[in-house]
Protein backbone atom coordinates (compact mmCIF):
# COMPACT_ATOMS: atom_id res chain seq x y z
CA UNK A 1 54.16 -18.68 -21.79
CA UNK A 2 51.08 -18.12 -23.97
CA UNK A 3 50.16 -21.20 -26.04
CA UNK A 4 48.17 -21.02 -29.26
CA UNK A 5 44.93 -22.10 -27.52
CA UNK A 6 45.44 -19.62 -24.71
CA UNK A 7 46.12 -16.92 -27.28
CA UNK A 8 42.78 -17.70 -29.00
CA UNK A 9 40.93 -17.49 -25.68
CA UNK A 10 42.65 -14.20 -24.88
CA UNK A 11 41.68 -12.72 -28.26
CA UNK A 12 38.07 -13.90 -27.83
CA UNK A 13 37.88 -12.33 -24.36
CA UNK A 14 39.23 -9.00 -25.63
CA UNK A 15 36.70 -9.07 -28.48
CA UNK A 16 33.82 -9.65 -26.06
CA UNK A 17 34.99 -6.78 -23.87
CA UNK A 18 35.22 -4.43 -26.88
CA UNK A 19 31.74 -5.42 -28.11
CA UNK A 20 30.31 -4.95 -24.60
CA UNK A 21 31.89 -1.51 -24.35
CA UNK A 22 30.42 -0.58 -27.72
CA UNK A 23 26.95 -1.76 -26.67
CA UNK A 24 27.12 0.22 -23.45
CA UNK A 25 28.26 3.32 -25.31
CA UNK A 26 25.46 2.95 -27.85
CA UNK A 27 22.98 2.36 -25.04
CA UNK A 28 24.08 5.52 -23.28
CA UNK A 29 23.59 7.48 -26.51
CA UNK A 30 20.17 5.97 -27.16
CA UNK A 31 18.87 6.36 -23.60
CA UNK A 32 19.63 9.69 -21.94
CA UNK A 33 19.14 9.87 -18.15
CA UNK A 34 15.54 10.38 -17.00
CA UNK A 35 14.63 13.75 -15.57
CA UNK A 36 13.75 13.72 -11.88
CA UNK A 37 10.28 15.13 -12.54
CA UNK A 38 9.24 12.45 -15.04
CA UNK A 39 9.97 8.77 -15.48
CA UNK A 40 9.10 8.70 -19.16
CA UNK A 41 9.11 11.48 -21.70
CA UNK A 42 5.68 12.57 -22.73
CA UNK A 43 5.02 12.06 -26.40
CA UNK A 44 7.97 9.73 -27.02
CA UNK A 45 8.34 6.00 -27.29
CA UNK A 46 9.72 4.08 -24.37
CA UNK A 47 13.26 2.81 -25.03
CA UNK A 48 14.22 -0.62 -23.87
CA UNK A 49 17.72 -1.95 -23.40
CA UNK A 50 20.03 -2.07 -26.40
CA UNK A 51 19.52 -5.82 -26.72
CA UNK A 52 15.76 -5.27 -26.82
CA UNK A 53 15.86 -2.48 -29.41
CA UNK A 54 17.81 -4.81 -31.71
CA UNK A 55 15.08 -7.45 -31.52
CA UNK A 56 12.25 -7.73 -33.98
CA UNK A 57 9.41 -5.25 -33.55
CA UNK A 58 6.68 -6.41 -31.20
CA UNK A 59 2.98 -6.60 -31.98
CA UNK A 60 -0.27 -6.56 -30.05
CA UNK A 61 -1.31 -9.91 -28.62
CA UNK A 62 -5.01 -10.80 -28.90
CA UNK A 63 -7.56 -9.16 -26.60
CA UNK A 64 -8.50 -11.38 -23.67
CA UNK A 65 -11.67 -11.22 -21.63
CA UNK A 66 -12.93 -13.14 -18.61
CA UNK A 67 -16.49 -12.81 -17.36
CA UNK A 68 -17.58 -15.06 -14.45
CA UNK A 69 -21.24 -14.96 -15.50
CA UNK A 70 -21.12 -16.34 -19.03
CA UNK A 71 -24.09 -15.41 -21.15
CA UNK A 72 -25.12 -12.53 -18.93
CA UNK A 73 -26.87 -9.94 -21.04
CA UNK A 74 -24.82 -7.17 -19.42
CA UNK A 75 -21.50 -8.65 -20.51
CA UNK A 76 -21.78 -7.28 -24.03
CA UNK A 77 -22.39 -3.72 -22.87
CA UNK A 78 -19.53 -3.99 -20.36
CA UNK A 79 -17.04 -5.37 -22.87
CA UNK A 80 -17.95 -2.69 -25.41
CA UNK A 81 -17.00 0.00 -22.88
CA UNK A 82 -13.80 -1.78 -21.91
CA UNK A 83 -12.82 -1.93 -25.56
CA UNK A 84 -13.50 1.80 -25.92
CA UNK A 85 -11.03 2.51 -23.08
CA UNK A 86 -8.59 -0.01 -24.55
CA UNK A 87 -8.73 1.81 -27.89
CA UNK A 88 -7.57 5.03 -26.21
CA UNK A 89 -4.70 3.20 -24.49
CA UNK A 90 -3.60 1.61 -27.77
CA UNK A 91 -3.14 5.10 -29.22
CA UNK A 92 -0.83 6.20 -26.40
CA UNK A 93 2.42 7.75 -27.68
CA UNK A 94 4.22 5.37 -25.33
CA UNK A 95 3.25 2.55 -27.69
CA UNK A 96 4.47 4.09 -30.94
CA UNK A 97 7.58 1.90 -30.87
CA UNK A 98 7.00 -1.74 -29.90
CA UNK A 99 10.58 -2.95 -30.11
CA UNK A 100 11.50 -5.33 -27.31
CA UNK A 101 8.00 -6.13 -26.04
CA UNK A 102 4.54 -7.28 -27.08
CA UNK A 103 1.67 -5.25 -25.57
CA UNK A 104 -1.58 -6.85 -24.50
CA UNK A 105 -4.88 -5.87 -22.89
CA UNK A 106 -7.36 -8.02 -21.02
CA UNK A 107 -10.70 -7.26 -19.39
CA UNK A 108 -12.91 -8.72 -16.70
CA UNK A 109 -15.98 -7.93 -14.63
CA UNK A 110 -17.51 -8.82 -11.31
CA UNK A 111 -20.83 -8.47 -9.56
CA UNK A 112 -21.34 -6.66 -6.24
CA UNK A 113 -22.54 -8.53 -3.18
CA UNK A 114 -26.31 -9.17 -3.29
CA UNK A 115 -26.33 -7.99 -6.91
CA UNK A 116 -26.67 -4.37 -5.77
CA UNK A 117 -24.75 -1.41 -7.16
CA UNK A 118 -22.76 -1.04 -10.37
CA UNK A 119 -20.88 -3.84 -12.05
CA UNK A 120 -17.13 -3.49 -11.53
CA UNK A 121 -14.10 -4.97 -13.24
CA UNK A 122 -10.55 -4.54 -14.43
CA UNK A 123 -8.62 -3.65 -17.54
CA UNK A 124 -5.05 -4.96 -17.45
CA UNK A 125 -2.22 -3.70 -19.65
CA UNK A 126 0.85 -5.95 -19.94
CA UNK A 127 4.16 -5.70 -21.77
CA UNK A 128 5.02 -9.29 -22.70
CA UNK A 129 8.52 -10.69 -23.10
CA UNK A 130 9.42 -11.69 -26.67
CA UNK A 131 10.31 -15.17 -25.38
CA UNK A 132 6.68 -15.68 -24.34
CA UNK A 133 5.34 -15.01 -27.85
CA UNK A 134 4.95 -17.18 -30.91
CA UNK A 135 3.57 -16.37 -34.35
CA UNK A 136 0.49 -17.92 -35.90
CA UNK A 137 0.70 -19.17 -39.52
CA UNK A 138 -0.66 -15.83 -40.72
CA UNK A 139 2.01 -13.94 -38.73
CA UNK A 140 -0.03 -12.70 -35.78
CA UNK A 141 1.44 -12.61 -32.27
CA UNK A 142 0.19 -15.19 -29.81
CA UNK A 143 1.05 -16.00 -26.18
CA UNK A 144 2.69 -19.41 -25.86
CA UNK A 145 0.66 -21.87 -23.81
CA UNK A 146 3.60 -22.43 -21.48
CA UNK A 147 3.45 -18.73 -20.51
CA UNK A 148 -0.30 -18.33 -20.02
CA UNK A 149 0.06 -18.68 -16.24
CA UNK A 150 3.44 -16.96 -15.95
CA UNK A 151 2.54 -13.43 -16.91
CA UNK A 152 4.40 -10.15 -16.48
CA UNK A 153 3.10 -7.74 -13.88
CA UNK A 154 0.25 -5.89 -15.50
CA UNK A 155 -0.88 -2.33 -14.92
CA UNK A 156 -4.29 -2.63 -13.31
CA UNK A 157 -7.09 -0.25 -14.21
CA UNK A 158 -9.94 -0.67 -11.74
CA UNK A 159 -13.26 0.22 -13.29
CA UNK A 160 -16.19 1.14 -11.01
CA UNK A 161 -14.07 0.23 -8.02
CA UNK A 162 -12.42 2.61 -5.57
CA UNK A 163 -8.65 2.62 -5.07
CA UNK A 164 -7.23 1.17 -1.87
CA UNK A 165 -5.70 3.77 0.42
CA UNK A 166 -3.48 2.97 3.40
CA UNK A 167 -2.44 4.97 6.45
CA UNK A 168 -5.49 4.13 8.58
CA UNK A 169 -4.97 3.23 12.23
CA UNK A 170 -6.58 -0.02 13.37
CA UNK A 171 -9.39 1.80 15.17
CA UNK A 172 -10.48 3.87 12.14
CA UNK A 173 -13.64 1.89 11.49
CA UNK A 174 -17.24 1.79 12.67
CA UNK A 175 -20.59 0.36 11.62
CA UNK A 176 -20.58 2.63 8.55
CA UNK A 177 -17.20 1.41 7.32
CA UNK A 178 -13.52 2.33 7.21
CA UNK A 179 -12.09 5.84 7.20
CA UNK A 180 -8.53 7.11 6.90
CA UNK A 181 -6.30 10.19 6.62
CA UNK A 182 -7.12 11.53 3.17
CA UNK A 183 -4.01 11.11 0.98
CA UNK A 184 -2.38 14.16 -0.51
CA UNK A 185 -2.31 14.80 -4.24
CA UNK A 186 1.21 13.60 -4.99
CA UNK A 187 1.23 14.78 -8.59
CA UNK A 188 -1.06 15.12 -11.59
CA UNK A 189 -1.20 13.26 -14.89
CA UNK A 190 -3.22 14.75 -17.73
CA UNK A 191 -4.96 16.97 -15.19
CA UNK A 192 -6.04 14.08 -12.95
CA UNK A 193 -4.83 13.58 -9.40
CA UNK A 194 -2.46 10.86 -8.23
CA UNK A 195 -3.20 9.81 -4.64
CA UNK A 196 -0.53 7.49 -3.29
CA UNK A 197 -0.07 4.86 -6.02
CA UNK A 198 -3.38 5.60 -7.74
CA UNK A 199 -4.25 7.83 -10.67
CA UNK A 200 -7.97 8.57 -10.28
CA UNK A 201 -10.04 9.40 -13.38
CA UNK A 202 -13.63 10.62 -13.29
CA UNK A 203 -15.70 12.72 -15.67
CA UNK A 204 -15.67 16.52 -15.18
CA UNK A 205 -18.16 17.63 -12.54
CA UNK A 206 -18.37 14.24 -10.85
CA UNK A 207 -18.58 14.33 -7.05
CA UNK A 208 -15.39 13.73 -5.08
CA UNK A 209 -14.12 10.24 -4.36
CA UNK A 210 -13.66 11.33 -0.74
CA UNK A 211 -16.21 12.34 1.85
CA UNK A 212 -15.25 14.08 5.12
CA UNK A 213 -15.79 12.33 8.46
CA UNK A 214 -17.09 14.32 11.42
CA UNK A 215 -15.17 14.87 14.63
CA UNK A 216 -17.93 13.12 16.59
CA UNK A 217 -17.77 9.99 14.45
CA UNK A 218 -13.98 9.84 14.73
CA UNK A 219 -14.04 10.36 18.49
CA UNK A 220 -16.72 7.70 19.04
CA UNK A 221 -14.72 5.16 17.04
CA UNK A 222 -11.58 6.04 19.02
CA UNK A 223 -13.44 5.73 22.34
CA UNK A 224 -14.84 2.36 21.28
CA UNK A 225 -11.31 1.20 20.49
CA UNK A 226 -9.91 2.45 23.81
CA UNK A 227 -12.60 1.16 26.16
CA UNK A 228 -11.70 -2.56 26.20
CA UNK A 229 -8.00 -1.71 26.43
CA UNK A 230 -8.58 0.59 29.38
CA UNK A 231 -10.72 -2.09 31.03
CA UNK A 232 -7.97 -4.67 30.54
CA UNK A 233 -5.48 -2.31 32.13
CA UNK A 234 -7.79 -1.65 35.08
CA UNK A 235 -8.04 -5.40 35.72
CA UNK A 236 -4.28 -5.75 35.41
CA UNK A 237 -3.76 -2.85 37.82
CA UNK A 238 -6.01 -4.51 40.42
CA UNK A 239 -3.93 -7.70 40.10
CA UNK A 240 -0.68 -5.73 40.36
CA UNK A 241 -1.79 -3.91 43.49
CA UNK A 242 -2.85 -7.16 45.12
CA UNK A 243 0.41 -8.85 44.21
CA UNK A 244 2.42 -5.94 45.67
CA UNK A 245 0.32 -5.97 48.85
CA UNK A 246 0.86 -9.72 49.28
CA UNK A 247 4.58 -9.41 48.60
CA UNK A 248 5.11 -6.64 51.19
CA UNK A 249 2.76 -7.96 53.88
CA UNK A 250 4.30 -9.39 57.08
CA UNK A 251 3.47 -12.86 55.86
CA UNK A 252 4.98 -12.15 52.48
CA UNK A 253 8.19 -10.75 53.94
CA UNK A 254 8.57 -13.77 56.20
CA UNK A 255 8.08 -16.09 53.24
CA UNK A 256 10.76 -14.21 51.28
CA UNK A 257 13.18 -14.37 54.21
CA UNK A 258 12.71 -18.13 54.58
CA UNK A 259 13.22 -18.64 50.87
CA UNK A 260 16.59 -16.88 51.00
CA UNK A 261 17.64 -18.84 54.10
CA UNK A 262 16.77 -22.12 52.37
CA UNK A 263 18.99 -21.20 49.44
CA UNK A 264 21.93 -20.26 51.67
CA UNK A 265 21.56 -23.35 53.88
CA UNK A 266 22.33 -25.62 50.96
CA UNK A 267 25.79 -24.11 50.52
CA UNK A 268 28.62 -25.55 52.66
CA UNK A 269 31.25 -22.90 51.94
CA UNK A 270 30.53 -19.83 54.16
CA UNK A 271 32.04 -17.41 51.62
CA UNK A 272 29.93 -18.77 48.76
CA UNK A 273 26.89 -18.78 51.04
CA UNK A 274 27.39 -15.12 51.96
CA UNK A 275 27.82 -14.12 48.32
CA UNK A 276 24.65 -15.98 47.40
CA UNK A 277 22.77 -14.29 50.26
CA UNK A 278 23.71 -10.82 49.00
CA UNK A 279 22.70 -11.69 45.46
CA UNK A 280 19.39 -13.23 46.58
CA UNK A 281 18.57 -10.19 48.72
CA UNK A 282 19.40 -7.88 45.77
CA UNK A 283 17.07 -9.87 43.52
CA UNK A 284 14.39 -9.69 46.18
CA UNK A 285 14.69 -5.89 46.43
CA UNK A 286 14.51 -5.49 42.63
CA UNK A 287 11.41 -7.68 42.56
CA UNK A 288 9.76 -5.53 45.22
CA UNK A 289 10.60 -2.34 43.30
CA UNK A 290 9.19 -3.76 40.05
CA UNK A 291 5.96 -4.73 41.80
CA UNK A 292 5.71 -1.30 43.40
CA UNK A 293 6.01 0.45 40.01
CA UNK A 294 3.45 -1.87 38.41
CA UNK A 295 1.00 -1.21 41.27
CA UNK A 296 1.59 2.55 41.20
CA UNK A 297 2.22 3.66 37.60
CA UNK A 298 3.47 7.22 37.14
CA UNK A 299 1.10 9.69 35.41
CA UNK A 300 3.04 9.46 32.13
CA UNK A 301 3.58 5.70 32.28
CA UNK A 302 2.87 3.91 28.98
CA UNK A 303 0.68 1.44 30.88
CA UNK A 304 -1.75 4.27 31.61
CA UNK A 305 -1.91 5.35 27.95
CA UNK A 306 -5.26 3.80 27.05
CA UNK A 307 -6.87 4.97 30.30
CA UNK A 308 -5.59 8.53 29.91
CA UNK A 309 -6.53 8.68 26.23
CA UNK A 310 -10.02 7.42 27.02
CA UNK A 311 -10.55 10.12 29.64
CA UNK A 312 -9.25 12.79 27.26
CA UNK A 313 -11.39 11.63 24.33
CA UNK A 314 -14.56 11.44 26.44
CA UNK A 315 -13.94 14.89 27.93
CA UNK A 316 -13.30 16.33 24.45
CA UNK A 317 -16.50 14.86 23.04
CA UNK A 318 -18.59 15.91 26.04
CA UNK A 319 -17.31 19.48 25.74
CA UNK A 320 -18.04 19.87 22.03
CA UNK A 321 -20.86 21.96 20.66
CA UNK A 322 -23.14 20.50 18.00
CA UNK A 323 -21.29 22.48 15.35
CA UNK A 324 -17.94 21.12 16.52
CA UNK A 325 -19.29 17.58 16.53
CA UNK A 326 -20.40 17.90 12.89
CA UNK A 327 -17.21 19.63 11.76
CA UNK A 328 -14.81 17.61 9.56
CA UNK A 329 -12.06 15.94 11.57
CA UNK A 330 -8.42 16.77 10.98
CA UNK A 331 -5.75 14.50 12.44
CA UNK A 332 -2.02 15.00 12.99
CA UNK A 333 -0.02 11.76 13.50
CA UNK A 334 1.80 11.30 16.80
CA UNK A 335 5.29 9.91 16.04
CA UNK A 336 5.46 8.31 19.51
CA UNK A 337 2.07 6.57 19.35
CA UNK A 338 1.00 5.30 15.92
CA UNK A 339 -2.62 4.66 16.95
CA UNK A 340 -3.15 7.94 18.78
CA UNK A 341 -5.82 10.37 17.64
CA UNK A 342 -4.68 13.98 17.63
CA UNK A 343 -7.54 16.25 16.54
CA UNK A 344 -6.36 19.65 15.35
CA UNK A 345 -7.96 22.65 13.62
CA UNK A 346 -8.51 22.28 9.87
CA UNK A 347 -5.43 23.10 7.81
CA UNK A 348 -2.97 22.69 10.69
CA UNK A 349 0.63 21.96 9.65
CA UNK A 350 1.34 18.25 9.33
CA UNK A 351 -2.35 17.34 9.57
CA UNK A 352 -4.66 15.59 7.11
CA UNK A 353 -8.46 15.51 6.96
CA UNK A 354 -10.09 12.24 7.99
CA UNK A 355 -12.13 10.93 5.07
CA UNK A 356 -14.00 7.91 3.82
CA UNK A 357 -14.71 6.74 0.30
CA UNK A 358 -17.79 8.64 -0.78
CA UNK A 359 -20.80 6.35 -0.31
CA UNK A 360 -22.79 8.68 -2.56
CA UNK A 361 -20.27 8.62 -5.41
CA UNK A 362 -21.99 6.12 -7.69
CA UNK A 363 -25.14 7.36 -9.43
CA UNK A 364 -27.57 4.49 -8.85
CA UNK A 365 -30.03 5.90 -11.41
CA UNK A 366 -27.62 4.89 -14.19
CA UNK A 367 -27.52 1.40 -15.71
CA UNK A 368 -25.43 -1.02 -13.66
CA UNK A 369 -22.98 -1.31 -16.56
CA UNK A 370 -22.35 2.45 -16.64
CA UNK A 371 -18.67 3.12 -15.97
CA UNK A 372 -18.20 5.98 -13.49
CA UNK A 373 -14.57 5.79 -12.33
CA UNK A 374 -11.22 4.40 -13.50
CA UNK A 375 -8.36 4.05 -11.02
CA UNK A 376 -4.92 3.27 -12.48
CA UNK A 377 -2.44 1.55 -10.18
CA UNK A 378 1.09 2.90 -10.74
CA UNK A 379 2.62 0.37 -8.35
CA UNK A 380 5.17 -1.22 -8.70
CA UNK A 381 6.22 0.38 -11.97
CA UNK A 382 6.86 3.87 -10.63
CA UNK A 383 9.15 2.65 -7.84
CA UNK A 384 10.91 0.21 -10.18
CA UNK A 385 11.71 2.92 -12.73
CA UNK A 386 12.79 5.28 -9.98
CA UNK A 387 15.21 2.58 -8.85
CA UNK A 388 16.69 2.38 -12.35
CA UNK A 389 14.74 -0.44 -14.01
CA UNK A 390 15.30 -0.51 -17.78
CA UNK A 391 13.19 -3.50 -18.84
CA UNK A 392 10.01 -2.75 -20.82
CA UNK A 393 7.89 -4.68 -18.29
CA UNK A 394 8.51 -1.80 -15.84
CA UNK A 395 9.04 1.22 -18.09
CA UNK A 396 6.27 0.67 -20.62
CA UNK A 397 3.30 0.43 -18.19
CA UNK A 398 4.44 3.59 -16.41
CA UNK A 399 4.91 5.41 -19.71
CA UNK A 400 1.43 4.31 -20.79
CA UNK A 401 0.03 5.69 -17.53
CA UNK A 402 1.85 9.00 -18.03
CA UNK A 403 1.21 9.48 -21.76
CA UNK A 404 -2.31 8.15 -22.39
CA UNK A 405 -4.98 10.75 -23.11
CA UNK A 406 -7.01 10.16 -19.97
CA UNK A 407 -9.32 13.06 -20.80
CA UNK A 408 -10.69 10.93 -23.64
CA UNK A 409 -11.24 8.11 -21.14
CA UNK A 410 -12.97 10.51 -18.75
CA UNK A 411 -15.32 11.51 -21.59
CA UNK A 412 -16.43 7.87 -21.78
CA UNK A 413 -17.44 7.82 -18.09
CA UNK A 414 -20.81 8.73 -16.65
């Protein structure tokens, strides 16, 4: 039996379901599925969820800046350039409709170690939640104090600082620095290459971010990595051989026999004693076999890997001509051994050139405040949108990265 109160609850529930269905239908009309080749349509505003598009239009929050060396004469020149890049971002088509979020930009700088080299810094774009914003008496948007240290993930633009590339084995380092398999160009945005999670922007004609590493340098670093590991194995092999010799010597065999007899002697039941004897003798034989294998590893045994690799790498380096030593190294990963070096001819299938970040990239004749590279981090926004994220805090930064006129930014670089 349906009472009057239950009837009211039932009607309310049906109403909520109908409204929800209408919202979902409207949302599906407003937000067509993304194409596989692009996460945000070029030249169009970024839609939020239906609830967000119904909210009041957003507005830019005030520019923020943080310089660790207050009063430094170079801060003014640096901030002026950051603001020039920020002005280009503000004109991105992705920001033509601010419903559901409040955009903000902040800048910073840092000083290289020993005060040498160009000043570097960051420009951060954030899409703030409406709940984190309050209005000043004159109507301007302002971040609430309670949200100043609880910020949305911002899209980081590194200025005068190289991107961070992964994929390097632990041994890919020497006294000159780190090197790594050069990442492939995954796609392009506005004519600029995306390497891994990084969109790299430089002025036309600027030297490459990457510099090739020679086969000799790669081999020497690999040999240096292998030597202590091969030495450790050699010491372990000496111990294993000695242990096997002791175990199988007449004295060792007699000691093993007595040990088994002592175990059996403690058992009063002859049947249990005989069973224990067989098991003890089986354990003894397995132990002898294990020691034999450890003392005499097979040619392909994993224990010999460092020793064999060291011999191969030394022989390869010794047999190289001067031209081969100077030639750029190309490496093909070994799926069975993550740290292995597999040098192959340039352009081989599945191989990548070994590179380092170009130590001659920055023009030291320019003022230290001269901006020479901008690297835009697309992580985690790209993966979030690919996974179906609809919130502006994920979609807007990616759309800004894809729709900003980066050629205008490149024109500002030196």
